[in-house]
C-alpha atoms as a PDB file:
ATOM      1  CA  MET A   1     -23.573 256.141  71.115  1.00  0.00           C
ATOM      2  CA  ALA A   2     -25.823 258.502  73.085  1.00  0.00           C
ATOM      3  CA  ARG A   3     -29.469 257.545  73.462  1.00  0.00           C
ATOM      4  CA  LEU A   4     -31.912 260.220  72.307  1.00  0.00           C
ATOM      5  CA  LEU A   5     -35.678 260.752  72.419  1.00  0.00           C
ATOM      6  CA  ASP A   6     -36.588 263.754  70.274  1.00  0.00           C
ATOM      7  CA  THR A   7     -39.947 265.527  70.662  1.00  0.00           C
ATOM      8  CA  ILE A   8     -38.975 268.511  68.505  1.00  0.00           C
ATOM      9  CA  PRO A   9     -40.759 267.318  65.332  1.00  0.00           C
ATOM     10  CA  THR A  10     -43.939 267.151  67.427  1.00  0.00           C
ATOM     11  CA  PHE A  11     -43.308 270.682  68.705  1.00  0.00           C
ATOM     12  CA  GLU A  12     -42.734 271.920  65.167  1.00  0.00           C
ATOM     13  CA  ALA A  13     -46.036 270.376  64.065  1.00  0.00           C
ATOM     14  CA  TYR A  14     -47.740 272.156  66.964  1.00  0.00           C
ATOM     15  CA  ALA A  15     -46.083 275.470  66.053  1.00  0.00           C
ATOM     16  CA  ARG A  16     -47.260 275.234  62.439  1.00  0.00           C
ATOM     17  CA  LYS A  17     -50.812 274.670  63.609  1.00  0.00           C
ATOM     18  CA  ALA A  18     -50.741 277.333  66.327  1.00  0.00           C
ATOM     19  CA  GLY A  19     -48.719 280.013  64.552  1.00  0.00           C
ATOM     20  CA  LEU A  20     -51.624 282.145  63.327  1.00  0.00           C
ATOM     21  CA  GLU A  21     -53.928 281.527  66.283  1.00  0.00           C
ATOM     22  CA  SER A  22     -54.565 283.787  69.270  1.00  0.00           C
ATOM     23  CA  PRO A  23     -52.448 283.263  72.418  1.00  0.00           C
ATOM     24  CA  VAL A  24     -55.425 281.645  74.149  1.00  0.00           C
ATOM     25  CA  THR A  25     -55.889 279.148  71.335  1.00  0.00           C
ATOM     26  CA  ARG A  26     -52.156 278.536  71.162  1.00  0.00           C
ATOM     27  CA  GLU A  27     -52.202 277.535  74.820  1.00  0.00           C
ATOM     28  CA  LEU A  28     -55.086 275.116  74.254  1.00  0.00           C
ATOM     29  CA  LEU A  29     -53.309 273.666  71.242  1.00  0.00           C
ATOM     30  CA  TRP A  30     -50.109 273.299  73.304  1.00  0.00           C
ATOM     31  CA  LYS A  31     -51.931 270.818  75.511  1.00  0.00           C
ATOM     32  CA  GLU A  32     -53.707 269.115  72.621  1.00  0.00           C
ATOM     33  CA  ARG A  33     -51.013 269.012  69.946  1.00  0.00           C
ATOM     34  CA  TYR A  34     -47.792 268.840  71.931  1.00  0.00           C
ATOM     35  CA  GLU A  35     -48.154 267.696  75.534  1.00  0.00           C
ATOM     36  CA  ARG A  36     -50.832 265.095  74.725  1.00  0.00           C
ATOM     37  CA  GLU A  37     -48.752 263.739  71.856  1.00  0.00           C
ATOM     38  CA  CYS A  38     -45.839 263.162  74.263  1.00  0.00           C
ATOM     39  CA  PRO A  39     -47.645 262.312  77.535  1.00  0.00           C
ATOM     40  CA  GLU A  40     -44.950 260.082  79.012  1.00  0.00           C
ATOM     41  CA  VAL A  41     -42.341 262.818  78.514  1.00  0.00           C
ATOM     42  CA  PHE A  42     -44.396 265.576  80.121  1.00  0.00           C
ATOM     43  CA  ASP A  43     -45.595 263.355  82.968  1.00  0.00           C
ATOM     44  CA  ALA A  44     -42.002 262.471  83.810  1.00  0.00           C
ATOM     45  CA  PHE A  45     -40.763 266.032  83.369  1.00  0.00           C
ATOM     46  CA  ASN A  46     -43.565 267.517  85.489  1.00  0.00           C
ATOM     47  CA  ALA A  47     -42.771 265.047  88.245  1.00  0.00           C
ATOM     48  CA  GLU A  48     -39.430 266.852  88.538  1.00  0.00           C
ATOM     49  CA  HIS A  49     -40.551 270.398  87.658  1.00  0.00           C
ATOM     50  CA  ALA A  50     -44.278 270.782  88.182  1.00  0.00           C
ATOM     51  CA  SER A  51     -44.780 274.203  86.618  1.00  0.00           C
ATOM     52  CA  SER A  52     -47.291 275.252  83.986  1.00  0.00           C
ATOM     53  CA  GLY A  53     -47.187 279.014  84.571  1.00  0.00           C
ATOM     54  CA  GLY A  54     -44.585 279.542  81.861  1.00  0.00           C
ATOM     55  CA  VAL A  55     -46.747 278.139  79.078  1.00  0.00           C
ATOM     56  CA  THR A  56     -48.725 281.371  78.779  1.00  0.00           C
ATOM     57  CA  ALA A  57     -45.554 283.396  78.315  1.00  0.00           C
ATOM     58  CA  LEU A  58     -44.103 280.822  75.946  1.00  0.00           C
ATOM     59  CA  VAL A  59     -47.078 280.733  73.579  1.00  0.00           C
ATOM     60  CA  ARG A  60     -47.195 284.535  73.455  1.00  0.00           C
ATOM     61  CA  GLU A  61     -43.603 284.453  72.223  1.00  0.00           C
ATOM     62  CA  LEU A  62     -44.126 281.445  69.993  1.00  0.00           C
ATOM     63  CA  THR A  63     -42.480 282.994  66.929  1.00  0.00           C
ATOM     64  CA  ASN A  64     -39.283 283.734  68.866  1.00  0.00           C
ATOM     65  CA  VAL A  65     -39.332 280.382  70.634  1.00  0.00           C
ATOM     66  CA  LYS A  66     -39.840 278.529  67.356  1.00  0.00           C
ATOM     67  CA  ALA A  67     -36.869 280.326  65.801  1.00  0.00           C
ATOM     68  CA  ARG A  68     -34.695 279.551  68.833  1.00  0.00           C
ATOM     69  CA  VAL A  69     -35.678 275.885  68.824  1.00  0.00           C
ATOM     70  CA  ALA A  70     -34.874 275.596  65.114  1.00  0.00           C
ATOM     71  CA  VAL A  71     -31.283 276.590  65.931  1.00  0.00           C
ATOM     72  CA  ALA A  72     -31.126 274.717  69.230  1.00  0.00           C
ATOM     73  CA  ALA A  73     -32.353 271.313  68.093  1.00  0.00           C
ATOM     74  CA  PRO A  74     -29.465 270.389  65.743  1.00  0.00           C
ATOM     75  CA  ALA A  75     -26.925 272.020  68.073  1.00  0.00           C
ATOM     76  CA  MET A  76     -28.176 270.036  71.065  1.00  0.00           C
ATOM     77  CA  ARG A  77     -28.276 266.769  69.106  1.00  0.00           C
ATOM     78  CA  GLN A  78     -24.666 267.284  68.076  1.00  0.00           C
ATOM     79  CA  ALA A  79     -23.625 268.253  71.606  1.00  0.00           C
ATOM     80  CA  ILE A  80     -25.270 265.159  73.089  1.00  0.00           C
ATOM     81  CA  GLU A  81     -23.720 262.852  70.498  1.00  0.00           C
ATOM     82  CA  ARG A  82     -20.283 264.391  71.051  1.00  0.00           C
ATOM     83  CA  VAL A  83     -20.203 264.979  74.803  1.00  0.00           C
ATOM     84  CA  ASP A  84     -22.307 262.263  76.413  1.00  0.00           C
ATOM     85  CA  PRO A  85     -20.003 259.375  75.367  1.00  0.00           C
ATOM     86  CA  LEU A  86     -17.116 261.146  77.145  1.00  0.00           C
ATOM     87  CA  LEU A  87     -18.794 261.145  80.543  1.00  0.00           C
ATOM     88  CA  PRO A  88     -18.375 257.475  81.559  1.00  0.00           C
ATOM     89  CA  ASP A  89     -14.592 257.807  81.220  1.00  0.00           C
ATOM     90  CA  VAL A  90     -14.620 261.159  83.025  1.00  0.00           C
ATOM     91  CA  LEU A  91     -16.558 259.651  85.938  1.00  0.00           C
ATOM     92  CA  GLY A  92     -14.934 256.213  85.887  1.00  0.00           C
ATOM     93  CA  LEU A  93     -18.201 254.421  85.071  1.00  0.00           C
ATOM     94  CA  PRO A  94     -19.146 251.624  82.666  1.00  0.00           C
ATOM     95  CA  ALA A  95     -20.503 252.774  79.307  1.00  0.00           C
ATOM     96  CA  GLU A  96     -23.752 250.816  79.738  1.00  0.00           C
ATOM     97  CA  PRO A  97     -26.464 251.403  80.701  1.00  0.00           C
ATOM     98  CA  ALA A  98     -26.567 255.019  79.533  1.00  0.00           C
ATOM     99  CA  PRO A  99     -29.064 257.748  80.383  1.00  0.00           C
ATOM    100  CA  LEU A 100     -31.745 258.691  77.889  1.00  0.00           C
ATOM    101  CA  HIS A 101     -31.507 262.266  76.591  1.00  0.00           C
ATOM    102  CA  VAL A 102     -34.842 263.913  75.777  1.00  0.00           C
ATOM    103  CA  LEU A 103     -35.092 266.984  73.533  1.00  0.00           C
ATOM    104  CA  MET A 104     -38.214 268.986  74.340  1.00  0.00           C
ATOM    105  CA  VAL A 105     -39.676 272.446  74.761  1.00  0.00           C
ATOM    106  CA  GLY A 106     -40.719 273.168  78.323  1.00  0.00           C
ATOM    107  CA  PRO A 107     -42.663 275.950  80.043  1.00  0.00           C
ATOM    108  CA  PHE A 108     -39.631 278.146  80.863  1.00  0.00           C
ATOM    109  CA  SER A 109     -39.314 276.466  84.281  1.00  0.00           C
ATOM    110  CA  THR A 110     -35.775 275.081  83.916  1.00  0.00           C
ATOM    111  CA  ASN A 111     -33.123 274.614  81.271  1.00  0.00           C
ATOM    112  CA  ALA A 112     -32.808 270.908  82.066  1.00  0.00           C
ATOM    113  CA  ALA A 113     -33.902 268.279  84.558  1.00  0.00           C
ATOM    114  CA  VAL A 114     -32.952 264.708  85.389  1.00  0.00           C
ATOM    115  CA  GLY A 115     -35.635 262.216  86.318  1.00  0.00           C
ATOM    116  CA  ARG A 116     -37.206 258.891  85.446  1.00  0.00           C
ATOM    117  CA  LEU A 117     -38.955 258.087  82.177  1.00  0.00           C
ATOM    118  CA  GLY A 118     -40.298 254.584  82.627  1.00  0.00           C
ATOM    119  CA  ASP A 119     -37.317 252.462  83.592  1.00  0.00           C
ATOM    120  CA  ASP A 120     -34.803 254.965  82.234  1.00  0.00           C
ATOM    121  CA  VAL A 121     -32.834 257.689  83.942  1.00  0.00           C
ATOM    122  CA  ALA A 122     -33.618 260.571  81.598  1.00  0.00           C
ATOM    123  CA  VAL A 123     -32.062 263.976  81.018  1.00  0.00           C
ATOM    124  CA  PHE A 124     -34.711 266.452  79.813  1.00  0.00           C
ATOM    125  CA  HIS A 125     -33.197 269.286  77.756  1.00  0.00           C
ATOM    126  CA  CYS A 126     -35.555 272.288  77.407  1.00  0.00           C
ATOM    127  CA  LEU A 127     -34.607 274.071  74.200  1.00  0.00           C
ATOM    128  CA  GLU A 128     -36.475 277.308  74.913  1.00  0.00           C
ATOM    129  CA  TRP A 129     -33.467 278.221  77.114  1.00  0.00           C
ATOM    130  CA  PHE A 130     -30.827 277.600  74.427  1.00  0.00           C
ATOM    131  CA  GLN A 131     -28.138 280.283  74.195  1.00  0.00           C
ATOM    132  CA  SER A 132     -25.148 279.053  72.184  1.00  0.00           C
ATOM    133  CA  GLU A 133     -23.515 275.912  70.795  1.00  0.00           C
ATOM    134  CA  ASP A 134     -20.574 276.187  73.204  1.00  0.00           C
ATOM    135  CA  GLY A 135     -22.851 276.754  76.167  1.00  0.00           C
ATOM    136  CA  ALA A 136     -25.009 273.811  75.092  1.00  0.00           C
ATOM    137  CA  ALA A 137     -22.006 271.476  75.177  1.00  0.00           C
ATOM    138  CA  VAL A 138     -21.217 272.488  78.759  1.00  0.00           C
ATOM    139  CA  LEU A 139     -24.856 272.107  79.774  1.00  0.00           C
ATOM    140  CA  VAL A 140     -25.036 268.636  78.204  1.00  0.00           C
ATOM    141  CA  ALA A 141     -21.923 267.644  80.145  1.00  0.00           C
ATOM    142  CA  HIS A 142     -23.286 269.024  83.434  1.00  0.00           C
ATOM    143  CA  GLU A 143     -26.755 267.493  83.189  1.00  0.00           C
ATOM    144  CA  GLY A 144     -25.444 264.321  81.591  1.00  0.00           C
ATOM    145  CA  ALA A 145     -23.089 263.893  84.549  1.00  0.00           C
ATOM    146  CA  HIS A 146     -26.131 263.989  86.844  1.00  0.00           C
ATOM    147  CA  GLY A 147     -27.751 261.266  84.737  1.00  0.00           C
ATOM    148  CA  TRP A 148     -24.684 259.021  84.729  1.00  0.00           C
ATOM    149  CA  HIS A 149     -24.222 259.596  88.466  1.00  0.00           C
ATOM    150  CA  ASP A 150     -27.840 258.638  89.194  1.00  0.00           C
ATOM    151  CA  LEU A 151     -27.369 255.435  87.191  1.00  0.00           C
ATOM    152  CA  ALA A 152     -24.234 254.608  89.168  1.00  0.00           C
ATOM    153  CA  LEU A 153     -26.038 255.124  92.476  1.00  0.00           C
ATOM    154  CA  ALA A 154     -28.927 252.896  91.382  1.00  0.00           C
ATOM    155  CA  ARG A 155     -26.543 250.179  90.216  1.00  0.00           C
ATOM    156  CA  ARG A 156     -24.621 250.132  93.500  1.00  0.00           C
ATOM    157  CA  ALA A 157     -27.683 250.317  95.763  1.00  0.00           C
ATOM    158  CA  PRO A 158     -30.713 249.140  93.768  1.00  0.00           C
ATOM    159  CA  ASP A 159     -32.958 248.954  96.837  1.00  0.00           C
ATOM    160  CA  ALA A 160     -32.048 252.372  98.237  1.00  0.00           C
ATOM    161  CA  GLY A 161     -34.475 254.359  96.098  1.00  0.00           C
ATOM    162  CA  PRO A 162     -33.682 257.661  94.379  1.00  0.00           C
ATOM    163  CA  PRO A 163     -31.212 260.050  96.035  1.00  0.00           C
ATOM    164  CA  PRO A 164     -32.686 262.814  98.209  1.00  0.00           C
ATOM    165  CA  THR A 165     -33.997 265.946  96.525  1.00  0.00           C
ATOM    166  CA  ASP A 166     -34.471 267.955  99.732  1.00  0.00           C
ATOM    167  CA  ASP A 167     -30.999 267.641 101.242  1.00  0.00           C
ATOM    168  CA  LEU A 168     -28.760 270.681 100.880  1.00  0.00           C
ATOM    169  CA  ALA A 169     -25.476 268.864 101.563  1.00  0.00           C
ATOM    170  CA  TRP A 170     -26.250 266.261  98.912  1.00  0.00           C
ATOM    171  CA  THR A 171     -27.272 268.976  96.439  1.00  0.00           C
ATOM    172  CA  ILE A 172     -23.967 270.749  97.050  1.00  0.00           C
ATOM    173  CA  PHE A 173     -22.105 267.518  96.377  1.00  0.00           C
ATOM    174  CA  THR A 174     -23.948 266.574  93.196  1.00  0.00           C
ATOM    175  CA  GLU A 175     -23.821 270.084  91.705  1.00  0.00           C
ATOM    176  CA  GLY A 176     -20.141 270.385  92.500  1.00  0.00           C
ATOM    177  CA  LEU A 177     -19.496 266.969  90.964  1.00  0.00           C
ATOM    178  CA  ALA A 178     -21.446 267.848  87.803  1.00  0.00           C
ATOM    179  CA  THR A 179     -19.602 271.154  87.432  1.00  0.00           C
ATOM    180  CA  GLN A 180     -16.249 269.405  87.816  1.00  0.00           C
ATOM    181  CA  ALA A 181     -17.313 266.778  85.269  1.00  0.00           C
ATOM    182  CA  SER A 182     -18.401 269.422  82.738  1.00  0.00           C
ATOM    183  CA  ARG A 183     -15.036 271.139  83.077  1.00  0.00           C
ATOM    184  CA  ALA A 184     -13.260 267.827  82.414  1.00  0.00           C
ATOM    185  CA  ALA A 185     -15.479 266.821  79.471  1.00  0.00           C
ATOM    186  CA  VAL A 186     -15.557 270.257  77.807  1.00  0.00           C
ATOM    187  CA  PRO A 187     -12.289 271.925  78.808  1.00  0.00           C
ATOM    188  CA  GLY A 188     -11.083 275.372  77.939  1.00  0.00           C
ATOM    189  CA  ARG A 189     -14.325 277.341  78.129  1.00  0.00           C
ATOM    190  CA  PRO A 190     -14.552 280.670  80.024  1.00  0.00           C
ATOM    191  CA  GLU A 191     -15.061 279.878  83.706  1.00  0.00           C
ATOM    192  CA  VAL A 192     -18.466 281.540  83.947  1.00  0.00           C
ATOM    193  CA  GLU A 193     -19.765 279.223  81.216  1.00  0.00           C
ATOM    194  CA  TYR A 194     -19.490 276.244  83.556  1.00  0.00           C
ATOM    195  CA  PHE A 195     -22.151 277.905  85.714  1.00  0.00           C
ATOM    196  CA  TRP A 196     -24.322 279.789  83.185  1.00  0.00           C
ATOM    197  CA  TYR A 197     -23.915 277.772  79.935  1.00  0.00           C
ATOM    198  CA  GLY A 198     -23.626 280.790  77.657  1.00  0.00           C
ATOM    199  CA  HIS A 199     -26.360 282.951  79.145  1.00  0.00           C
ATOM    200  CA  PRO A 200     -25.742 286.661  78.600  1.00  0.00           C
ATOM    201  CA  GLU A 201     -25.616 289.318  81.281  1.00  0.00           C
ATOM    202  CA  THR A 202     -23.568 287.237  83.725  1.00  0.00           C
ATOM    203  CA  GLU A 203     -20.542 289.510  83.669  1.00  0.00           C
ATOM    204  CA  GLY A 204     -19.403 290.102  87.219  1.00  0.00           C
ATOM    205  CA  TRP A 205     -21.331 287.141  88.677  1.00  0.00           C
ATOM    206  CA  LEU A 206     -18.297 284.924  89.201  1.00  0.00           C
ATOM    207  CA  THR A 207     -16.243 287.760  90.667  1.00  0.00           C
ATOM    208  CA  TRP A 208     -19.084 288.586  93.078  1.00  0.00           C
ATOM    209  CA  CYS A 209     -19.389 284.945  94.177  1.00  0.00           C
ATOM    210  CA  ARG A 210     -15.681 284.633  94.848  1.00  0.00           C
ATOM    211  CA  GLU A 211     -15.472 287.942  96.668  1.00  0.00           C
ATOM    212  CA  HIS A 212     -18.390 286.873  98.896  1.00  0.00           C
ATOM    213  CA  ARG A 213     -17.415 283.212  99.201  1.00  0.00           C
ATOM    214  CA  ALA A 214     -16.737 283.261 102.943  1.00  0.00           C
ATOM    215  CA  GLU A 215     -20.143 284.810 103.581  1.00  0.00           C
ATOM    216  CA  LEU A 216     -21.882 282.347 101.235  1.00  0.00           C
ATOM    217  CA  LEU A 217     -20.205 279.373 102.901  1.00  0.00           C
ATOM    218  CA  LYS A 218     -21.344 280.693 106.267  1.00  0.00           C
ATOM    219  CA  HIS A 219     -24.929 280.896 104.979  1.00  0.00           C
ATOM    220  CA  LEU A 220     -24.726 277.366 103.573  1.00  0.00           C
ATOM    221  CA  ARG A 221     -23.331 276.053 106.856  1.00  0.00           C
ATOM    222  CA  ALA A 222     -26.250 277.589 108.731  1.00  0.00           C
ATOM    223  CA  SER A 223     -28.807 276.251 106.237  1.00  0.00           C
ATOM    224  CA  LEU A 224     -27.919 272.562 106.125  1.00  0.00           C
ATOM    225  CA  ASP A 225     -31.158 271.544 107.841  1.00  0.00           C
ATOM    226  CA  LEU A 226     -33.366 273.793 105.698  1.00  0.00           C
ATOM    227  CA  PRO A 227     -34.627 272.116 102.492  1.00  0.00           C
ATOM    228  CA  GLU A 228     -35.952 275.454 101.246  1.00  0.00           C
ATOM    229  CA  ALA A 229     -32.363 276.699 101.058  1.00  0.00           C
ATOM    230  CA  ILE A 230     -31.910 274.607  97.910  1.00  0.00           C
ATOM    231  CA  GLU A 231     -34.235 276.955  96.050  1.00  0.00           C
ATOM    232  CA  THR A 232     -32.410 279.976  97.467  1.00  0.00           C
ATOM    233  CA  PHE A 233     -28.925 278.831  96.460  1.00  0.00           C
ATOM    234  CA  PHE A 234     -29.601 276.651  93.408  1.00  0.00           C
ATOM    235  CA  GLY A 235     -33.056 277.604  92.111  1.00  0.00           C
ATOM    236  CA  GLY A 236     -35.065 280.742  91.525  1.00  0.00           C
ATOM    237  CA  GLY A 237     -34.129 282.440  94.787  1.00  0.00           C
ATOM    238  CA  SER A 238     -31.330 284.940  95.220  1.00  0.00           C
ATOM    239  CA  VAL A 239     -28.752 286.138  97.729  1.00  0.00           C
ATOM    240  CA  ASP A 240     -28.181 289.895  97.696  1.00  0.00           C
ATOM    241  CA  GLY A 241     -29.696 289.983  94.216  1.00  0.00           C
ATOM    242  CA  GLN A 242     -27.440 287.260  92.827  1.00  0.00           C
ATOM    243  CA  TRP A 243     -28.963 284.010  91.496  1.00  0.00           C
ATOM    244  CA  ARG A 244     -27.578 280.475  91.622  1.00  0.00           C
ATOM    245  CA  VAL A 245     -24.714 281.368  93.934  1.00  0.00           C
ATOM    246  CA  GLY A 246     -24.701 277.848  95.348  1.00  0.00           C
ATOM    247  CA  TYR A 247     -23.115 276.506  92.191  1.00  0.00           C
ATOM    248  CA  GLU A 248     -19.841 278.369  92.619  1.00  0.00           C
ATOM    249  CA  ALA A 249     -19.712 277.428  96.306  1.00  0.00           C
ATOM    250  CA  ALA A 250     -20.441 273.781  95.453  1.00  0.00           C
ATOM    251  CA  ASP A 251     -17.684 273.747  92.841  1.00  0.00           C
ATOM    252  CA  PHE A 252     -15.260 275.205  95.403  1.00  0.00           C
ATOM    253  CA  LEU A 253     -16.211 272.720  98.134  1.00  0.00           C
ATOM    254  CA  VAL A 254     -16.159 269.594  95.956  1.00  0.00           C
ATOM    255  CA  SER A 255     -12.901 270.522  94.244  1.00  0.00           C
ATOM    256  CA  GLY A 256     -11.491 271.140  97.720  1.00  0.00           C
ATOM    257  CA  LEU A 257     -12.154 267.526  98.687  1.00  0.00           C
ATOM    258  CA  GLY A 258      -9.063 266.717  96.614  1.00  0.00           C
ATOM    259  CA  ARG A 259     -10.435 263.502  95.156  1.00  0.00           C
ATOM    260  CA  PRO A 260     -10.465 262.491  91.472  1.00  0.00           C
ATOM    261  CA  LEU A 261     -13.822 262.420  89.728  1.00  0.00           C
ATOM    262  CA  PRO A 262     -14.114 258.592  89.614  1.00  0.00           C
ATOM    263  CA  GLU A 263     -13.575 258.466  93.370  1.00  0.00           C
ATOM    264  CA  LEU A 264     -16.197 261.169  93.925  1.00  0.00           C
ATOM    265  CA  ALA A 265     -18.679 259.375  91.672  1.00  0.00           C
ATOM    266  CA  ALA A 266     -18.151 256.161  93.641  1.00  0.00           C
ATOM    267  CA  MET A 267     -19.055 257.712  97.016  1.00  0.00           C
ATOM    268  CA  SER A 268     -22.282 256.730  98.742  1.00  0.00           C
ATOM    269  CA  VAL A 269     -24.868 259.379  99.487  1.00  0.00           C
ATOM    270  CA  GLU A 270     -24.030 259.332 103.183  1.00  0.00           C
ATOM    271  CA  ASP A 271     -20.255 259.504 102.618  1.00  0.00           C
ATOM    272  CA  ALA A 272     -20.714 262.379 100.174  1.00  0.00           C
ATOM    273  CA  ARG A 273     -22.943 264.291 102.597  1.00  0.00           C
ATOM    274  CA  THR A 274     -20.472 263.746 105.424  1.00  0.00           C
ATOM    275  CA  ALA A 275     -17.595 265.011 103.283  1.00  0.00           C
ATOM    276  CA  VAL A 276     -19.492 268.170 102.316  1.00  0.00           C
ATOM    277  CA  VAL A 277     -20.547 268.920 105.889  1.00  0.00           C
ATOM    278  CA  ALA A 278     -16.947 268.468 107.076  1.00  0.00           C
ATOM    279  CA  ALA A 279     -15.689 270.745 104.286  1.00  0.00           C
ATOM    280  CA  LEU A 280     -18.207 273.407 105.262  1.00  0.00           C
ATOM    281  CA  GLN A 281     -17.218 273.215 108.910  1.00  0.00           C
ATOM    282  CA  THR A 282     -13.562 273.858 108.066  1.00  0.00           C
ATOM    283  CA  SER A 283     -14.085 276.467 105.335  1.00  0.00           C
END
């Protein structure tokens, strides 16, 4: 059974208190009635995504966010309970220990993040980004795969520390692995959903990425020593006006390694990096 830490009742209590207040007061109450009631969650989340700028926008749209979260919370719980138990078999890993899934509302900085909450590998799901039940299932599989993979790395090399967060080749490998795992755990969805999780206005994105793949691979090859390229290809940056183009390239490169998912999940960080660099050099 999936492990779940749910902060949504605390958010709902905050929203009831803040609903009729001014945006300024709502923001103060956010800190007082939500973040401070879940300090360990927000400390761990902010260690991965240190961003508070979105809180102002979020509290201004509190009515809409509250309505979205009311739909998202049960859908995400169901998706986690259904999809997360599939991932150990998909990745060829033991069923215990399992990552901790955290339901929360974040400051519009990311739809999900994987980090450490105490001694647990935790997957933080930010419900303000929720789009659809089908998209949520794919997102749970993708981010859950990161959590299970991190646990496997820690189990095999307990003294090695966390995997690198500033290494483009490793990011390519892990994002490609997670995309492959989501496709295996939640099969049959439209291809673009494995990259955008049900977000609207992505029509044409996948076609553009594939038409420009050779150029994107060339850019990735030239950027391997540039940590800031991770933001360009996988974060808030863009290439020719297109966001998140690294995900399609990562999926292409990792699938091109021709190895089953359990074998990919068993690779060391250095072996995975070497395989990605070699694939880029021959693409």
